[in-house]
Amino acid sequence: GYIDAVADFIGPDIDIPAPDVYTNQMIMGWMVDEYGIIKRQITPAVITGKPLTMGGSLGRDTATAMGAFFTIEATWPQLGLNGSPADTTVAVQGFGNAGAIIAELLFNAGYKVVAVSDSKGGIYRREGLDIPSVRQFKDSTRTLKAVYCEGSVCNGVEHDTITNEELLALDVDILAPAALENQITEANARDIKAKAVYELANGPTTPGADEILRQQDVIVFPDILVNAGGVTVSYFEWVQNRQGLYWTLEQVNQRLKQMMVEETERIWAIAQERSIAPRTAAYVHALNRIGDAVQAKGTKDYFTDGQ
């Protein structure tokens, strides 16, 4: 099996797998169980995203969306656009673990989520969608396109069914691609009307599209920042496993918020100071940290000149 093939290349001090598309807590639990059988030892810190009963962390299942929410809350007021959440329209592409949860978090915070979609299509309502009801209906194994077409959820409310391509082109304040990679390309980037894009998915915007969006003054907050909540709480899970601790959900989210807000504010400050895009600012921030670590160990100049 898969873990049998990679067992020699992973470990709590080597590489630590975390959940992604088409995995869940049960599958991650299978992985840590199989690793223990192969290595003949209980090693919960080798895998993250596990069930709570197998050493998982509270808050890991919502971490990607929660981290994105903290990023949106920290940056949106600074963009000089619509000030209040009630006046801010949002479209979310993808209604899986990240998309559905960020849609509900924004809805609960007062944002007007006007469109959501899954792989089969989406729904749009200018006045805003009732996201908890949409999630409830979606969880009953039906597609989003059926939410207002079948059953009793929000029956009789005016709505439109839309494609994923149409959702990306909606005239909204915030566009949150939370599905798969390469959704915004050079072919459709000029159709993007959103004021800001927050990348919850990995690599939803191609490099060519990124440049087009920059020319159109669309602010793109990159995946390496926006969806970092998932890997951050995976780190928290690893820490808890190594120390034999179990943090409360409040502790997890408090630590996550602190880290996400600090990193977001620093990256935004770099972007403003240097007049560069947030994606470039994130790379600058990361490279600065690597440079500091290299400098701390001593550079060629230090060993040759003592400086």
C-alpha atoms as a PDB file:
ATOM      1  CA  GLY A   1       0.000   0.000   0.000  1.00  0.00           C
ATOM      2  CA  TYR A   2       0.829   3.690  -0.075  1.00  0.00           C
ATOM      3  CA  ILE A   3       2.217   3.971   3.463  1.00  0.00           C
ATOM      4  CA  ASP A   4       4.231   0.796   2.968  1.00  0.00           C
ATOM      5  CA  ALA A   5       5.866   2.467  -0.045  1.00  0.00           C
ATOM      6  CA  VAL A   6       6.707   5.746   1.708  1.00  0.00           C
ATOM      7  CA  ALA A   7       7.281   4.562   5.290  1.00  0.00           C
ATOM      8  CA  ASP A   8      11.048   5.022   5.044  1.00  0.00           C
ATOM      9  CA  PHE A   9      10.638   8.606   3.858  1.00  0.00           C
ATOM     10  CA  ILE A  10       8.191   9.901   6.467  1.00  0.00           C
ATOM     11  CA  GLY A  11       8.350  10.231  10.231  1.00  0.00           C
ATOM     12  CA  PRO A  12       7.749  12.699  13.076  1.00  0.00           C
ATOM     13  CA  ASP A  13      11.181  14.263  12.442  1.00  0.00           C
ATOM     14  CA  ILE A  14      11.291  13.795   8.652  1.00  0.00           C
ATOM     15  CA  ASP A  15       8.215  14.433   6.490  1.00  0.00           C
ATOM     16  CA  ILE A  16       4.740  14.526   8.021  1.00  0.00           C
ATOM     17  CA  PRO A  17       1.745  13.960   5.712  1.00  0.00           C
ATOM     18  CA  ALA A  18      -1.384  16.062   6.188  1.00  0.00           C
ATOM     19  CA  PRO A  19      -4.873  15.789   4.656  1.00  0.00           C
ATOM     20  CA  ASP A  20      -5.790  17.236   1.271  1.00  0.00           C
ATOM     21  CA  VAL A  21      -8.364  16.725  -1.475  1.00  0.00           C
ATOM     22  CA  TYR A  22     -10.159  13.349  -1.277  1.00  0.00           C
ATOM     23  CA  THR A  23      -8.842  12.491   2.180  1.00  0.00           C
ATOM     24  CA  ASN A  24     -10.530  12.724   5.566  1.00  0.00           C
ATOM     25  CA  GLN A  25      -9.853  11.908   9.206  1.00  0.00           C
ATOM     26  CA  MET A  26     -10.579   8.216   8.680  1.00  0.00           C
ATOM     27  CA  ILE A  27      -8.093   7.905   5.830  1.00  0.00           C
ATOM     28  CA  MET A  28      -5.415   9.753   7.806  1.00  0.00           C
ATOM     29  CA  GLY A  29      -6.163   7.367  10.671  1.00  0.00           C
ATOM     30  CA  TRP A  30      -5.573   4.392   8.370  1.00  0.00           C
ATOM     31  CA  MET A  31      -2.215   5.900   7.462  1.00  0.00           C
ATOM     32  CA  VAL A  32      -0.969   6.358  11.027  1.00  0.00           C
ATOM     33  CA  ASP A  33      -2.224   2.883  11.933  1.00  0.00           C
ATOM     34  CA  GLU A  34      -0.410   1.286   8.999  1.00  0.00           C
ATOM     35  CA  TYR A  35       2.775   3.197   9.816  1.00  0.00           C
ATOM     36  CA  GLY A  36       2.633   1.866  13.372  1.00  0.00           C
ATOM     37  CA  ILE A  37       2.268  -1.699  12.084  1.00  0.00           C
ATOM     38  CA  ILE A  38       5.234  -1.309   9.732  1.00  0.00           C
ATOM     39  CA  LYS A  39       7.503   0.345  12.317  1.00  0.00           C
ATOM     40  CA  ARG A  40       6.130  -1.684  15.241  1.00  0.00           C
ATOM     41  CA  GLN A  41       5.609   1.388  17.402  1.00  0.00           C
ATOM     42  CA  ILE A  42       2.846   3.857  18.183  1.00  0.00           C
ATOM     43  CA  THR A  43       3.837   7.124  16.492  1.00  0.00           C
ATOM     44  CA  PRO A  44       0.866   9.515  16.306  1.00  0.00           C
ATOM     45  CA  ALA A  45       3.072  12.492  15.337  1.00  0.00           C
ATOM     46  CA  VAL A  46       3.879  10.940  11.940  1.00  0.00           C
ATOM     47  CA  ILE A  47       0.497  11.916  10.421  1.00  0.00           C
ATOM     48  CA  THR A  48      -1.762  14.935  11.002  1.00  0.00           C
ATOM     49  CA  GLY A  49      -5.462  15.360  10.420  1.00  0.00           C
ATOM     50  CA  LYS A  50      -6.160  12.180  12.372  1.00  0.00           C
ATOM     51  CA  PRO A  51      -9.377  11.357  14.263  1.00  0.00           C
ATOM     52  CA  LEU A  52      -9.423  12.816  17.770  1.00  0.00           C
ATOM     53  CA  THR A  53      -9.453   9.298  19.212  1.00  0.00           C
ATOM     54  CA  MET A  54      -6.131   8.592  17.479  1.00  0.00           C
ATOM     55  CA  GLY A  55      -4.340  11.753  18.593  1.00  0.00           C
ATOM     56  CA  GLY A  56      -5.873  14.304  16.263  1.00  0.00           C
ATOM     57  CA  SER A  57      -6.319  17.954  17.168  1.00  0.00           C
ATOM     58  CA  LEU A  58      -9.489  19.891  17.762  1.00  0.00           C
ATOM     59  CA  GLY A  59      -9.909  22.526  15.073  1.00  0.00           C
ATOM     60  CA  ARG A  60      -7.900  20.712  12.394  1.00  0.00           C
ATOM     61  CA  ASP A  61     -10.986  19.986  10.288  1.00  0.00           C
ATOM     62  CA  THR A  62     -11.889  23.694  10.073  1.00  0.00           C
ATOM     63  CA  ALA A  63      -8.356  25.102  10.158  1.00  0.00           C
ATOM     64  CA  THR A  64      -7.915  25.992   6.480  1.00  0.00           C
ATOM     65  CA  ALA A  65     -11.117  28.013   6.377  1.00  0.00           C
ATOM     66  CA  MET A  66     -10.578  29.503   9.828  1.00  0.00           C
ATOM     67  CA  GLY A  67      -7.126  30.729   8.859  1.00  0.00           C
ATOM     68  CA  ALA A  68      -8.522  32.238   5.656  1.00  0.00           C
ATOM     69  CA  PHE A  69     -11.239  33.964   7.663  1.00  0.00           C
ATOM     70  CA  PHE A  70      -8.646  35.559   9.949  1.00  0.00           C
ATOM     71  CA  THR A  71      -6.732  36.750   6.867  1.00  0.00           C
ATOM     72  CA  ILE A  72      -9.842  38.287   5.312  1.00  0.00           C
ATOM     73  CA  GLU A  73     -10.802  39.989   8.566  1.00  0.00           C
ATOM     74  CA  ALA A  74      -7.274  41.391   8.952  1.00  0.00           C
ATOM     75  CA  THR A  75      -6.978  42.772   5.415  1.00  0.00           C
ATOM     76  CA  TRP A  76     -10.398  43.681   4.063  1.00  0.00           C
ATOM     77  CA  PRO A  77     -10.834  46.866   6.162  1.00  0.00           C
ATOM     78  CA  GLN A  78      -7.407  48.084   4.971  1.00  0.00           C
ATOM     79  CA  LEU A  79      -8.179  47.866   1.259  1.00  0.00           C
ATOM     80  CA  GLY A  80     -10.227  51.058   1.282  1.00  0.00           C
ATOM     81  CA  LEU A  81     -13.228  49.391  -0.320  1.00  0.00           C
ATOM     82  CA  ASN A  82     -16.574  48.540   1.273  1.00  0.00           C
ATOM     83  CA  GLY A  83     -16.163  49.103   4.986  1.00  0.00           C
ATOM     84  CA  SER A  84     -18.823  46.913   6.539  1.00  0.00           C
ATOM     85  CA  PRO A  85     -19.303  43.153   6.102  1.00  0.00           C
ATOM     86  CA  ALA A  86     -23.002  43.672   5.309  1.00  0.00           C
ATOM     87  CA  ASP A  87     -21.998  45.669   2.228  1.00  0.00           C
ATOM     88  CA  THR A  88     -19.377  43.144   1.117  1.00  0.00           C
ATOM     89  CA  THR A  89     -20.386  40.547  -1.469  1.00  0.00           C
ATOM     90  CA  VAL A  90     -18.604  37.199  -1.622  1.00  0.00           C
ATOM     91  CA  ALA A  91     -18.478  34.335  -4.129  1.00  0.00           C
ATOM     92  CA  VAL A  92     -16.950  31.004  -3.097  1.00  0.00           C
ATOM     93  CA  GLN A  93     -15.876  28.441  -5.685  1.00  0.00           C
ATOM     94  CA  GLY A  94     -15.724  25.008  -4.113  1.00  0.00           C
ATOM     95  CA  PHE A  95     -17.982  23.707  -1.366  1.00  0.00           C
ATOM     96  CA  GLY A  96     -15.814  21.088   0.273  1.00  0.00           C
ATOM     97  CA  ASN A  97     -13.991  21.284   3.581  1.00  0.00           C
ATOM     98  CA  ALA A  98     -12.513  24.723   2.909  1.00  0.00           C
ATOM     99  CA  GLY A  99     -15.200  26.348   0.758  1.00  0.00           C
ATOM    100  CA  ALA A 100     -18.275  25.383   2.749  1.00  0.00           C
ATOM    101  CA  ILE A 101     -16.725  26.405   6.051  1.00  0.00           C
ATOM    102  CA  ILE A 102     -15.349  29.763   4.863  1.00  0.00           C
ATOM    103  CA  ALA A 103     -18.758  30.523   3.345  1.00  0.00           C
ATOM    104  CA  GLU A 104     -20.456  29.871   6.679  1.00  0.00           C
ATOM    105  CA  LEU A 105     -17.841  31.760   8.698  1.00  0.00           C
ATOM    106  CA  LEU A 106     -18.282  34.808   6.470  1.00  0.00           C
ATOM    107  CA  PHE A 107     -22.078  34.456   6.556  1.00  0.00           C
ATOM    108  CA  ASN A 108     -22.039  34.321  10.358  1.00  0.00           C
ATOM    109  CA  ALA A 109     -19.796  37.410  10.443  1.00  0.00           C
ATOM    110  CA  GLY A 110     -22.350  39.355   8.417  1.00  0.00           C
ATOM    111  CA  TYR A 111     -20.818  39.172   4.941  1.00  0.00           C
ATOM    112  CA  LYS A 112     -23.200  38.764   2.009  1.00  0.00           C
ATOM    113  CA  VAL A 113     -22.305  35.437   0.406  1.00  0.00           C
ATOM    114  CA  VAL A 114     -24.108  35.652  -2.933  1.00  0.00           C
ATOM    115  CA  ALA A 115     -22.746  32.582  -4.740  1.00  0.00           C
ATOM    116  CA  VAL A 116     -21.279  29.169  -4.001  1.00  0.00           C
ATOM    117  CA  SER A 117     -20.463  26.212  -6.227  1.00  0.00           C
ATOM    118  CA  ASP A 118     -19.232  22.646  -6.222  1.00  0.00           C
ATOM    119  CA  SER A 119     -17.900  20.450  -9.030  1.00  0.00           C
ATOM    120  CA  LYS A 120     -21.380  20.092 -10.567  1.00  0.00           C
ATOM    121  CA  GLY A 121     -22.295  23.779 -10.648  1.00  0.00           C
ATOM    122  CA  GLY A 122     -23.474  26.508  -8.326  1.00  0.00           C
ATOM    123  CA  ILE A 123     -26.191  28.852  -7.157  1.00  0.00           C
ATOM    124  CA  TYR A 124     -26.386  32.633  -7.066  1.00  0.00           C
ATOM    125  CA  ARG A 125     -28.696  35.029  -5.259  1.00  0.00           C
ATOM    126  CA  ARG A 126     -28.001  38.762  -5.365  1.00  0.00           C
ATOM    127  CA  GLU A 127     -29.547  39.351  -1.928  1.00  0.00           C
ATOM    128  CA  GLY A 128     -27.334  36.669  -0.380  1.00  0.00           C
ATOM    129  CA  LEU A 129     -27.640  32.961   0.355  1.00  0.00           C
ATOM    130  CA  ASP A 130     -28.620  31.282   3.620  1.00  0.00           C
ATOM    131  CA  ILE A 131     -25.364  29.359   3.914  1.00  0.00           C
ATOM    132  CA  PRO A 132     -26.251  27.153   6.930  1.00  0.00           C
ATOM    133  CA  SER A 133     -29.318  25.907   5.052  1.00  0.00           C
ATOM    134  CA  VAL A 134     -27.291  25.375   1.894  1.00  0.00           C
ATOM    135  CA  ARG A 135     -24.716  23.349   3.838  1.00  0.00           C
ATOM    136  CA  GLN A 136     -27.422  21.278   5.487  1.00  0.00           C
ATOM    137  CA  PHE A 137     -28.954  20.458   2.142  1.00  0.00           C
ATOM    138  CA  LYS A 138     -25.612  19.771   0.479  1.00  0.00           C
ATOM    139  CA  ASP A 139     -24.653  17.425   3.323  1.00  0.00           C
ATOM    140  CA  SER A 140     -27.692  15.301   2.519  1.00  0.00           C
ATOM    141  CA  THR A 141     -25.608  14.111  -0.482  1.00  0.00           C
ATOM    142  CA  ARG A 142     -27.281  16.321  -3.070  1.00  0.00           C
ATOM    143  CA  THR A 143     -25.522  18.773  -5.344  1.00  0.00           C
ATOM    144  CA  LEU A 144     -25.667  22.515  -4.850  1.00  0.00           C
ATOM    145  CA  LYS A 145     -27.643  22.920  -8.067  1.00  0.00           C
ATOM    146  CA  ALA A 146     -30.499  21.060  -6.380  1.00  0.00           C
ATOM    147  CA  VAL A 147     -30.583  23.214  -3.259  1.00  0.00           C
ATOM    148  CA  TYR A 148     -33.329  25.506  -4.507  1.00  0.00           C
ATOM    149  CA  CYS A 149     -34.721  23.137  -7.110  1.00  0.00           C
ATOM    150  CA  GLU A 150     -35.664  20.251  -4.839  1.00  0.00           C
ATOM    151  CA  GLY A 151     -36.764  19.725  -1.276  1.00  0.00           C
ATOM    152  CA  SER A 152     -37.853  22.386   1.161  1.00  0.00           C
ATOM    153  CA  VAL A 153     -34.664  24.312   1.887  1.00  0.00           C
ATOM    154  CA  CYS A 154     -35.233  28.015   1.139  1.00  0.00           C
ATOM    155  CA  ASN A 155     -38.147  27.011  -1.064  1.00  0.00           C
ATOM    156  CA  GLY A 156     -39.511  29.756  -3.266  1.00  0.00           C
ATOM    157  CA  VAL A 157     -36.543  32.103  -2.944  1.00  0.00           C
ATOM    158  CA  GLU A 158     -35.480  33.670  -6.218  1.00  0.00           C
ATOM    159  CA  HIS A 159     -32.137  32.331  -7.388  1.00  0.00           C
ATOM    160  CA  ASP A 160     -30.061  31.433 -10.401  1.00  0.00           C
ATOM    161  CA  THR A 161     -28.119  28.272 -11.125  1.00  0.00           C
ATOM    162  CA  ILE A 162     -24.682  29.080 -12.506  1.00  0.00           C
ATOM    163  CA  THR A 163     -21.577  27.331 -13.755  1.00  0.00           C
ATOM    164  CA  ASN A 164     -18.190  27.547 -12.085  1.00  0.00           C
ATOM    165  CA  GLU A 165     -17.002  29.736 -14.951  1.00  0.00           C
ATOM    166  CA  GLU A 166     -19.901  32.134 -14.388  1.00  0.00           C
ATOM    167  CA  LEU A 167     -19.204  32.261 -10.654  1.00  0.00           C
ATOM    168  CA  LEU A 168     -15.602  33.306 -11.236  1.00  0.00           C
ATOM    169  CA  ALA A 169     -16.784  36.193 -13.420  1.00  0.00           C
ATOM    170  CA  LEU A 170     -19.357  37.577 -10.966  1.00  0.00           C
ATOM    171  CA  ASP A 171     -19.139  41.249 -10.012  1.00  0.00           C
ATOM    172  CA  VAL A 172     -18.408  40.757  -6.300  1.00  0.00           C
ATOM    173  CA  ASP A 173     -16.081  42.267  -3.729  1.00  0.00           C
ATOM    174  CA  ILE A 174     -14.384  39.035  -2.635  1.00  0.00           C
ATOM    175  CA  LEU A 175     -13.748  35.955  -4.772  1.00  0.00           C
ATOM    176  CA  ALA A 176     -12.603  32.897  -2.836  1.00  0.00           C
ATOM    177  CA  PRO A 177     -11.426  30.045  -5.082  1.00  0.00           C
ATOM    178  CA  ALA A 178     -11.519  27.043  -2.746  1.00  0.00           C
ATOM    179  CA  ALA A 179     -11.598  24.136  -5.187  1.00  0.00           C
ATOM    180  CA  LEU A 180      -8.706  22.952  -7.350  1.00  0.00           C
ATOM    181  CA  GLU A 181      -5.658  24.445  -9.021  1.00  0.00           C
ATOM    182  CA  ASN A 182      -5.597  26.396 -12.306  1.00  0.00           C
ATOM    183  CA  GLN A 183      -9.114  27.818 -12.057  1.00  0.00           C
ATOM    184  CA  ILE A 184      -8.145  31.387 -12.979  1.00  0.00           C
ATOM    185  CA  THR A 185      -6.091  31.265 -16.166  1.00  0.00           C
ATOM    186  CA  GLU A 186      -5.004  33.606 -18.930  1.00  0.00           C
ATOM    187  CA  ALA A 187      -8.162  32.557 -20.765  1.00  0.00           C
ATOM    188  CA  ASN A 188     -10.574  33.883 -18.123  1.00  0.00           C
ATOM    189  CA  ALA A 189      -8.533  36.308 -15.997  1.00  0.00           C
ATOM    190  CA  ARG A 190      -9.853  39.334 -17.881  1.00  0.00           C
ATOM    191  CA  ASP A 191     -13.380  38.265 -16.925  1.00  0.00           C
ATOM    192  CA  ILE A 192     -12.634  38.530 -13.197  1.00  0.00           C
ATOM    193  CA  LYS A 193     -14.539  41.472 -11.717  1.00  0.00           C
ATOM    194  CA  ALA A 194     -13.846  40.840  -8.032  1.00  0.00           C
ATOM    195  CA  LYS A 195     -11.950  43.506  -6.135  1.00  0.00           C
ATOM    196  CA  ALA A 196      -9.905  40.967  -4.186  1.00  0.00           C
ATOM    197  CA  VAL A 197      -9.131  37.268  -4.586  1.00  0.00           C
ATOM    198  CA  TYR A 198      -8.350  35.130  -1.540  1.00  0.00           C
ATOM    199  CA  GLU A 199      -6.827  31.803  -2.597  1.00  0.00           C
ATOM    200  CA  LEU A 200      -8.054  29.007  -0.335  1.00  0.00           C
ATOM    201  CA  ALA A 201      -7.173  26.344  -2.894  1.00  0.00           C
ATOM    202  CA  ASN A 202      -3.604  25.458  -3.791  1.00  0.00           C
ATOM    203  CA  GLY A 203      -2.503  27.253  -6.940  1.00  0.00           C
ATOM    204  CA  PRO A 204      -5.927  28.351  -8.229  1.00  0.00           C
ATOM    205  CA  THR A 205      -4.351  31.206 -10.221  1.00  0.00           C
ATOM    206  CA  THR A 206      -1.795  30.566 -12.951  1.00  0.00           C
ATOM    207  CA  PRO A 207       1.250  32.873 -13.211  1.00  0.00           C
ATOM    208  CA  GLY A 208      -0.024  34.369 -16.460  1.00  0.00           C
ATOM    209  CA  ALA A 209      -3.420  35.068 -14.934  1.00  0.00           C
ATOM    210  CA  ASP A 210      -1.756  36.566 -11.877  1.00  0.00           C
ATOM    211  CA  GLU A 211      -0.085  39.187 -14.047  1.00  0.00           C
ATOM    212  CA  ILE A 212      -3.363  40.002 -15.818  1.00  0.00           C
ATOM    213  CA  LEU A 213      -5.134  40.452 -12.479  1.00  0.00           C
ATOM    214  CA  ARG A 214      -2.339  42.743 -11.306  1.00  0.00           C
ATOM    215  CA  GLN A 215      -2.802  44.893 -14.404  1.00  0.00           C
ATOM    216  CA  GLN A 216      -6.530  45.048 -13.649  1.00  0.00           C
ATOM    217  CA  ASP A 217      -5.832  46.171 -10.054  1.00  0.00           C
ATOM    218  CA  VAL A 218      -7.346  43.000  -8.613  1.00  0.00           C
ATOM    219  CA  ILE A 219      -5.619  42.303  -5.295  1.00  0.00           C
ATOM    220  CA  VAL A 220      -4.683  38.631  -4.947  1.00  0.00           C
ATOM    221  CA  PHE A 221      -3.893  37.249  -1.510  1.00  0.00           C
ATOM    222  CA  PRO A 222      -1.846  34.105  -2.206  1.00  0.00           C
ATOM    223  CA  ASP A 223      -2.488  30.529  -1.215  1.00  0.00           C
ATOM    224  CA  ILE A 224       0.749  30.297   0.774  1.00  0.00           C
ATOM    225  CA  LEU A 225      -0.772  32.825   3.171  1.00  0.00           C
ATOM    226  CA  VAL A 226      -4.537  32.381   2.917  1.00  0.00           C
ATOM    227  CA  ASN A 227      -4.706  28.598   3.252  1.00  0.00           C
ATOM    228  CA  ALA A 228      -1.830  28.318   5.723  1.00  0.00           C
ATOM    229  CA  GLY A 229      -4.282  27.664   8.560  1.00  0.00           C
ATOM    230  CA  GLY A 230      -4.416  23.989   7.632  1.00  0.00           C
ATOM    231  CA  VAL A 231      -0.699  23.337   7.832  1.00  0.00           C
ATOM    232  CA  THR A 232      -0.447  25.584  10.905  1.00  0.00           C
ATOM    233  CA  VAL A 233      -2.907  23.476  12.880  1.00  0.00           C
ATOM    234  CA  SER A 234      -1.199  20.352  11.522  1.00  0.00           C
ATOM    235  CA  TYR A 235       1.903  21.766  13.204  1.00  0.00           C
ATOM    236  CA  PHE A 236      -0.141  22.312  16.366  1.00  0.00           C
ATOM    237  CA  GLU A 237      -1.281  18.677  16.180  1.00  0.00           C
ATOM    238  CA  TRP A 238       2.332  17.530  15.843  1.00  0.00           C
ATOM    239  CA  VAL A 239       3.335  19.646  18.848  1.00  0.00           C
ATOM    240  CA  GLN A 240       0.524  18.177  20.945  1.00  0.00           C
ATOM    241  CA  ASN A 241       1.471  14.636  19.904  1.00  0.00           C
ATOM    242  CA  ARG A 242       5.128  15.170  20.781  1.00  0.00           C
ATOM    243  CA  GLN A 243       4.298  16.693  24.168  1.00  0.00           C
ATOM    244  CA  GLY A 244       1.370  14.455  25.053  1.00  0.00           C
ATOM    245  CA  LEU A 245      -0.992  17.436  25.276  1.00  0.00           C
ATOM    246  CA  TYR A 246      -4.593  18.017  24.219  1.00  0.00           C
ATOM    247  CA  TRP A 247      -5.433  21.669  23.603  1.00  0.00           C
ATOM    248  CA  THR A 248      -8.984  22.957  23.738  1.00  0.00           C
ATOM    249  CA  LEU A 249     -10.630  24.267  20.580  1.00  0.00           C
ATOM    250  CA  GLU A 250     -10.394  27.771  22.024  1.00  0.00           C
ATOM    251  CA  GLN A 251      -6.640  27.373  22.554  1.00  0.00           C
ATOM    252  CA  VAL A 252      -6.131  26.075  19.013  1.00  0.00           C
ATOM    253  CA  ASN A 253      -8.118  28.874  17.389  1.00  0.00           C
ATOM    254  CA  GLN A 254      -6.521  31.539  19.588  1.00  0.00           C
ATOM    255  CA  ARG A 255      -3.024  30.396  18.592  1.00  0.00           C
ATOM    256  CA  LEU A 256      -4.088  30.127  14.953  1.00  0.00           C
ATOM    257  CA  LYS A 257      -5.555  33.625  14.932  1.00  0.00           C
ATOM    258  CA  GLN A 258      -2.429  35.105  16.476  1.00  0.00           C
ATOM    259  CA  MET A 259      -0.156  33.499  13.886  1.00  0.00           C
ATOM    260  CA  MET A 260      -2.375  34.224  10.874  1.00  0.00           C
ATOM    261  CA  VAL A 261      -2.966  37.861  11.800  1.00  0.00           C
ATOM    262  CA  GLU A 262       0.718  38.504  12.548  1.00  0.00           C
ATOM    263  CA  GLU A 263       1.848  36.993   9.243  1.00  0.00           C
ATOM    264  CA  THR A 264      -0.917  38.704   7.275  1.00  0.00           C
ATOM    265  CA  GLU A 265      -0.121  42.117   8.721  1.00  0.00           C
ATOM    266  CA  ARG A 266       3.602  41.682   8.074  1.00  0.00           C
ATOM    267  CA  ILE A 267       3.090  40.575   4.463  1.00  0.00           C
ATOM    268  CA  TRP A 268       0.613  43.391   3.819  1.00  0.00           C
ATOM    269  CA  ALA A 269       3.100  45.887   5.297  1.00  0.00           C
ATOM    270  CA  ILE A 270       5.850  44.621   2.978  1.00  0.00           C
ATOM    271  CA  ALA A 271       3.489  44.890   0.012  1.00  0.00           C
ATOM    272  CA  GLN A 272       2.671  48.486   0.912  1.00  0.00           C
ATOM    273  CA  GLU A 273       6.257  49.501   1.694  1.00  0.00           C
ATOM    274  CA  ARG A 274       7.636  48.106  -1.567  1.00  0.00           C
ATOM    275  CA  SER A 275       4.589  48.636  -3.797  1.00  0.00           C
ATOM    276  CA  ILE A 276       4.487  44.957  -4.710  1.00  0.00           C
ATOM    277  CA  ALA A 277       1.732  42.362  -4.885  1.00  0.00           C
ATOM    278  CA  PRO A 278       0.884  40.378  -1.735  1.00  0.00           C
ATOM    279  CA  ARG A 279       2.152  37.181  -3.398  1.00  0.00           C
ATOM    280  CA  THR A 280       5.550  38.742  -4.033  1.00  0.00           C
ATOM    281  CA  ALA A 281       5.511  40.197  -0.523  1.00  0.00           C
ATOM    282  CA  ALA A 282       4.901  36.724   0.902  1.00  0.00           C
ATOM    283  CA  TYR A 283       7.942  35.414  -0.973  1.00  0.00           C
ATOM    284  CA  VAL A 284      10.036  38.360   0.233  1.00  0.00           C
ATOM    285  CA  HIS A 285       8.935  37.667   3.807  1.00  0.00           C
ATOM    286  CA  ALA A 286       9.829  33.983   3.493  1.00  0.00           C
ATOM    287  CA  LEU A 287      13.215  34.663   1.889  1.00  0.00           C
ATOM    288  CA  ASN A 288      14.038  37.219   4.581  1.00  0.00           C
ATOM    289  CA  ARG A 289      13.489  34.545   7.212  1.00  0.00           C
ATOM    290  CA  ILE A 290      15.685  32.074   5.347  1.00  0.00           C
ATOM    291  CA  GLY A 291      18.338  34.772   4.990  1.00  0.00           C
ATOM    292  CA  ASP A 292      18.207  35.520   8.707  1.00  0.00           C
ATOM    293  CA  ALA A 293      18.689  31.822   9.493  1.00  0.00           C
ATOM    294  CA  VAL A 294      21.659  31.564   7.119  1.00  0.00           C
ATOM    295  CA  GLN A 295      23.163  34.748   8.553  1.00  0.00           C
ATOM    296  CA  ALA A 296      22.808  33.407  12.093  1.00  0.00           C
ATOM    297  CA  LYS A 297      25.023  30.425  11.206  1.00  0.00           C
ATOM    298  CA  GLY A 298      27.746  32.640   9.810  1.00  0.00           C
ATOM    299  CA  THR A 299      28.353  33.695   6.222  1.00  0.00           C
ATOM    300  CA  LYS A 300      31.495  33.651   4.100  1.00  0.00           C
ATOM    301  CA  ASP A 301      32.175  37.261   5.116  1.00  0.00           C
ATOM    302  CA  TYR A 302      32.028  36.308   8.794  1.00  0.00           C
ATOM    303  CA  PHE A 303      34.580  33.528   8.450  1.00  0.00           C
ATOM    304  CA  THR A 304      36.933  35.511   6.199  1.00  0.00           C
ATOM    305  CA  ASP A 305      36.607  38.992   7.686  1.00  0.00           C
ATOM    306  CA  GLY A 306      35.161  38.308  11.103  1.00  0.00           C
ATOM    307  CA  GLN A 307      32.055  40.329  10.237  1.00  0.00           C
END
